[in-house]
Amino acid sequence: MIIIQPVNTEKAIRMIEADNKITFVVDRRARKEEIKKEIEEKFGVKVEKVNVHIFKNKKIAYIKLKKENPAIDLATKLGII
């Protein structure tokens, strides 16, 4: 399992609303292609771009969804918003 948990911070919520991006803590060994594939299969959305950032020994993935898949819908389904 690559995805560990969604991130629920003020910045993450702002990114959901403004940039159509959703943020997850992922496994440190996961590559961008693997993260993209798991998000698309697990949640049934189309991913445009994946950026990763390692912060305090955690790997954070910023997933930008395509316009036809609003991030706010996925966040509501996950219970973030």
N, C-alpha and C. Protein backbone atom coordinates (compact mmCIF):
# COMPACT_ATOMS: atom_id res chain seq x y z
N MET A 1 0.85 -1.19 0.00
CA MET A 1 0.00 0.00 0.00
C MET A 1 0.89 1.24 0.00
N ILE A 2 0.68 2.07 -0.97
CA ILE A 2 1.52 3.26 -1.14
C ILE A 2 0.97 4.44 -0.36
N ILE A 3 -0.35 4.66 -0.43
CA ILE A 3 -0.97 5.80 0.24
C ILE A 3 -1.14 5.47 1.72
N ILE A 4 -0.64 6.36 2.58
CA ILE A 4 -0.76 6.13 4.01
C ILE A 4 -1.97 6.87 4.58
N GLN A 5 -2.06 8.19 4.33
CA GLN A 5 -3.19 8.97 4.82
C GLN A 5 -3.27 10.31 4.10
N PRO A 6 -4.47 10.90 4.02
CA PRO A 6 -4.59 12.24 3.44
C PRO A 6 -4.10 13.29 4.46
N VAL A 7 -3.64 14.41 3.94
CA VAL A 7 -3.19 15.51 4.79
C VAL A 7 -4.34 16.48 4.99
N ASN A 8 -4.56 16.88 6.23
CA ASN A 8 -5.67 17.77 6.57
C ASN A 8 -5.14 18.99 7.30
N THR A 9 -4.53 19.91 6.55
CA THR A 9 -4.03 21.16 7.11
C THR A 9 -4.68 22.33 6.38
N GLU A 10 -4.48 23.53 6.89
CA GLU A 10 -5.05 24.71 6.22
C GLU A 10 -4.51 24.85 4.80
N LYS A 11 -3.21 24.64 4.64
CA LYS A 11 -2.59 24.75 3.33
C LYS A 11 -3.17 23.70 2.37
N ALA A 12 -3.35 22.48 2.85
CA ALA A 12 -3.91 21.41 2.01
C ALA A 12 -5.33 21.74 1.58
N ILE A 13 -6.12 22.29 2.48
CA ILE A 13 -7.51 22.67 2.15
C ILE A 13 -7.51 23.80 1.11
N ARG A 14 -6.62 24.77 1.27
CA ARG A 14 -6.52 25.86 0.30
C ARG A 14 -6.15 25.34 -1.08
N MET A 15 -5.23 24.36 -1.12
CA MET A 15 -4.81 23.79 -2.40
C MET A 15 -5.95 23.02 -3.06
N ILE A 16 -6.79 22.38 -2.26
CA ILE A 16 -7.95 21.67 -2.81
C ILE A 16 -8.88 22.66 -3.50
N GLU A 17 -9.15 23.77 -2.83
CA GLU A 17 -10.09 24.76 -3.36
C GLU A 17 -9.52 25.58 -4.52
N ALA A 18 -8.26 25.99 -4.42
CA ALA A 18 -7.70 26.91 -5.40
C ALA A 18 -7.05 26.21 -6.60
N ASP A 19 -6.30 25.14 -6.34
CA ASP A 19 -5.47 24.55 -7.39
C ASP A 19 -5.92 23.17 -7.86
N ASN A 20 -7.01 22.65 -7.31
CA ASN A 20 -7.51 21.30 -7.63
C ASN A 20 -6.45 20.25 -7.32
N LYS A 21 -5.73 20.44 -6.18
CA LYS A 21 -4.70 19.50 -5.74
C LYS A 21 -5.12 18.89 -4.42
N ILE A 22 -4.80 17.61 -4.25
CA ILE A 22 -5.06 16.92 -3.00
C ILE A 22 -3.73 16.34 -2.50
N THR A 23 -3.56 16.31 -1.19
CA THR A 23 -2.27 15.98 -0.60
C THR A 23 -2.38 14.70 0.24
N PHE A 24 -1.40 13.81 0.07
CA PHE A 24 -1.35 12.56 0.82
C PHE A 24 0.05 12.33 1.38
N VAL A 25 0.12 11.65 2.53
CA VAL A 25 1.38 11.10 3.02
C VAL A 25 1.50 9.74 2.35
N VAL A 26 2.64 9.48 1.72
CA VAL A 26 2.85 8.23 1.00
C VAL A 26 4.11 7.53 1.49
N ASP A 27 4.26 6.29 1.06
CA ASP A 27 5.44 5.50 1.40
C ASP A 27 6.69 6.16 0.82
N ARG A 28 7.77 6.20 1.62
CA ARG A 28 9.00 6.87 1.18
C ARG A 28 9.61 6.23 -0.06
N ARG A 29 9.38 4.95 -0.28
CA ARG A 29 9.99 4.26 -1.42
C ARG A 29 9.17 4.38 -2.70
N ALA A 30 7.99 4.97 -2.64
CA ALA A 30 7.10 5.05 -3.80
C ALA A 30 7.59 6.08 -4.81
N ARG A 31 7.47 5.71 -6.08
CA ARG A 31 7.81 6.64 -7.16
C ARG A 31 6.56 7.36 -7.63
N LYS A 32 6.75 8.45 -8.36
CA LYS A 32 5.62 9.26 -8.84
C LYS A 32 4.66 8.43 -9.69
N GLU A 33 5.19 7.58 -10.57
CA GLU A 33 4.34 6.77 -11.45
C GLU A 33 3.47 5.82 -10.64
N GLU A 34 4.04 5.23 -9.57
CA GLU A 34 3.29 4.31 -8.72
C GLU A 34 2.19 5.04 -7.96
N ILE A 35 2.51 6.23 -7.47
CA ILE A 35 1.52 7.03 -6.75
C ILE A 35 0.36 7.38 -7.67
N LYS A 36 0.68 7.85 -8.88
CA LYS A 36 -0.35 8.22 -9.86
C LYS A 36 -1.25 7.03 -10.17
N LYS A 37 -0.66 5.87 -10.42
CA LYS A 37 -1.43 4.68 -10.76
C LYS A 37 -2.37 4.28 -9.62
N GLU A 38 -1.86 4.30 -8.38
CA GLU A 38 -2.71 3.90 -7.25
C GLU A 38 -3.86 4.88 -7.02
N ILE A 39 -3.60 6.18 -7.14
CA ILE A 39 -4.67 7.18 -6.97
C ILE A 39 -5.75 6.97 -8.03
N GLU A 40 -5.35 6.79 -9.27
CA GLU A 40 -6.33 6.61 -10.35
C GLU A 40 -7.15 5.34 -10.16
N GLU A 41 -6.52 4.25 -9.76
CA GLU A 41 -7.24 2.99 -9.58
C GLU A 41 -8.13 3.01 -8.34
N LYS A 42 -7.61 3.52 -7.24
CA LYS A 42 -8.32 3.46 -5.97
C LYS A 42 -9.52 4.40 -5.92
N PHE A 43 -9.37 5.61 -6.48
CA PHE A 43 -10.42 6.62 -6.36
C PHE A 43 -11.17 6.89 -7.66
N GLY A 44 -10.74 6.33 -8.78
CA GLY A 44 -11.44 6.51 -10.05
C GLY A 44 -11.38 7.93 -10.59
N VAL A 45 -10.22 8.59 -10.43
CA VAL A 45 -10.04 9.95 -10.94
C VAL A 45 -8.86 9.95 -11.91
N LYS A 46 -8.73 11.03 -12.67
CA LYS A 46 -7.60 11.18 -13.59
C LYS A 46 -6.60 12.17 -12.99
N VAL A 47 -5.34 11.77 -12.93
CA VAL A 47 -4.29 12.59 -12.34
C VAL A 47 -3.54 13.31 -13.45
N GLU A 48 -3.35 14.61 -13.28
CA GLU A 48 -2.61 15.40 -14.26
C GLU A 48 -1.12 15.39 -13.94
N LYS A 49 -0.78 15.57 -12.63
CA LYS A 49 0.61 15.73 -12.25
C LYS A 49 0.80 15.31 -10.79
N VAL A 50 1.98 14.78 -10.47
CA VAL A 50 2.31 14.40 -9.10
C VAL A 50 3.64 15.06 -8.73
N ASN A 51 3.65 15.79 -7.63
CA ASN A 51 4.87 16.35 -7.07
C ASN A 51 5.07 15.73 -5.69
N VAL A 52 6.32 15.49 -5.30
CA VAL A 52 6.59 14.92 -3.99
C VAL A 52 7.57 15.81 -3.24
N HIS A 53 7.46 15.72 -1.91
CA HIS A 53 8.29 16.53 -1.02
C HIS A 53 8.55 15.69 0.23
N ILE A 54 9.81 15.61 0.64
CA ILE A 54 10.14 14.89 1.86
C ILE A 54 10.31 15.91 2.97
N PHE A 55 9.50 15.74 4.03
CA PHE A 55 9.46 16.70 5.13
C PHE A 55 9.36 15.94 6.45
N LYS A 56 10.32 16.15 7.34
CA LYS A 56 10.34 15.48 8.65
C LYS A 56 10.20 13.97 8.51
N ASN A 57 11.01 13.41 7.61
CA ASN A 57 11.06 11.96 7.38
C ASN A 57 9.74 11.37 6.86
N LYS A 58 8.88 12.20 6.28
CA LYS A 58 7.66 11.73 5.64
C LYS A 58 7.67 12.22 4.19
N LYS A 59 7.14 11.41 3.32
CA LYS A 59 7.04 11.80 1.92
C LYS A 59 5.62 12.28 1.66
N ILE A 60 5.51 13.52 1.24
CA ILE A 60 4.22 14.15 0.96
C ILE A 60 4.05 14.22 -0.56
N ALA A 61 2.90 13.74 -1.05
CA ALA A 61 2.61 13.79 -2.48
C ALA A 61 1.51 14.80 -2.72
N TYR A 62 1.77 15.74 -3.63
CA TYR A 62 0.79 16.73 -4.05
C TYR A 62 0.25 16.27 -5.39
N ILE A 63 -1.00 15.86 -5.44
CA ILE A 63 -1.59 15.30 -6.64
C ILE A 63 -2.53 16.31 -7.27
N LYS A 64 -2.19 16.77 -8.48
CA LYS A 64 -3.06 17.68 -9.21
C LYS A 64 -3.97 16.84 -10.09
N LEU A 65 -5.27 17.01 -9.89
CA LEU A 65 -6.26 16.26 -10.66
C LEU A 65 -6.65 17.03 -11.91
N LYS A 66 -7.10 16.30 -12.93
CA LYS A 66 -7.58 16.95 -14.15
C LYS A 66 -8.86 17.70 -13.86
N LYS A 67 -9.18 18.66 -14.71
CA LYS A 67 -10.33 19.56 -14.47
C LYS A 67 -11.66 18.82 -14.36
N GLU A 68 -11.81 17.69 -15.06
CA GLU A 68 -13.08 16.97 -14.98
C GLU A 68 -13.28 16.23 -13.66
N ASN A 69 -12.24 16.17 -12.83
CA ASN A 69 -12.32 15.53 -11.51
C ASN A 69 -12.02 16.55 -10.43
N PRO A 70 -13.03 17.22 -9.87
CA PRO A 70 -12.76 18.21 -8.82
C PRO A 70 -12.18 17.56 -7.56
N ALA A 71 -11.12 18.14 -7.04
CA ALA A 71 -10.47 17.62 -5.84
C ALA A 71 -11.40 17.73 -4.63
N ILE A 72 -12.29 18.71 -4.64
CA ILE A 72 -13.20 18.89 -3.51
C ILE A 72 -14.16 17.70 -3.38
N ASP A 73 -14.53 17.08 -4.51
CA ASP A 73 -15.39 15.89 -4.46
C ASP A 73 -14.66 14.72 -3.81
N LEU A 74 -13.40 14.53 -4.18
CA LEU A 74 -12.60 13.46 -3.58
C LEU A 74 -12.35 13.73 -2.11
N ALA A 75 -12.08 14.99 -1.76
CA ALA A 75 -11.87 15.34 -0.34
C ALA A 75 -13.10 15.11 0.48
N THR A 76 -14.27 15.37 -0.06
CA THR A 76 -15.52 15.12 0.64
C THR A 76 -15.72 13.62 0.85
N LYS A 77 -15.41 12.84 -0.17
CA LYS A 77 -15.54 11.39 -0.08
C LYS A 77 -14.61 10.82 0.99
N LEU A 78 -13.40 11.41 1.12
CA LEU A 78 -12.42 10.95 2.10
C LEU A 78 -12.67 11.49 3.51
N GLY A 79 -13.57 12.48 3.63
CA GLY A 79 -13.87 13.05 4.93
C GLY A 79 -12.94 14.15 5.38
N ILE A 80 -12.19 14.71 4.44
CA ILE A 80 -11.27 15.82 4.76
C ILE A 80 -12.07 17.09 5.00
N ILE A 81 -13.05 17.33 4.12
CA ILE A 81 -13.88 18.54 4.22
C ILE A 81 -15.25 18.14 4.69
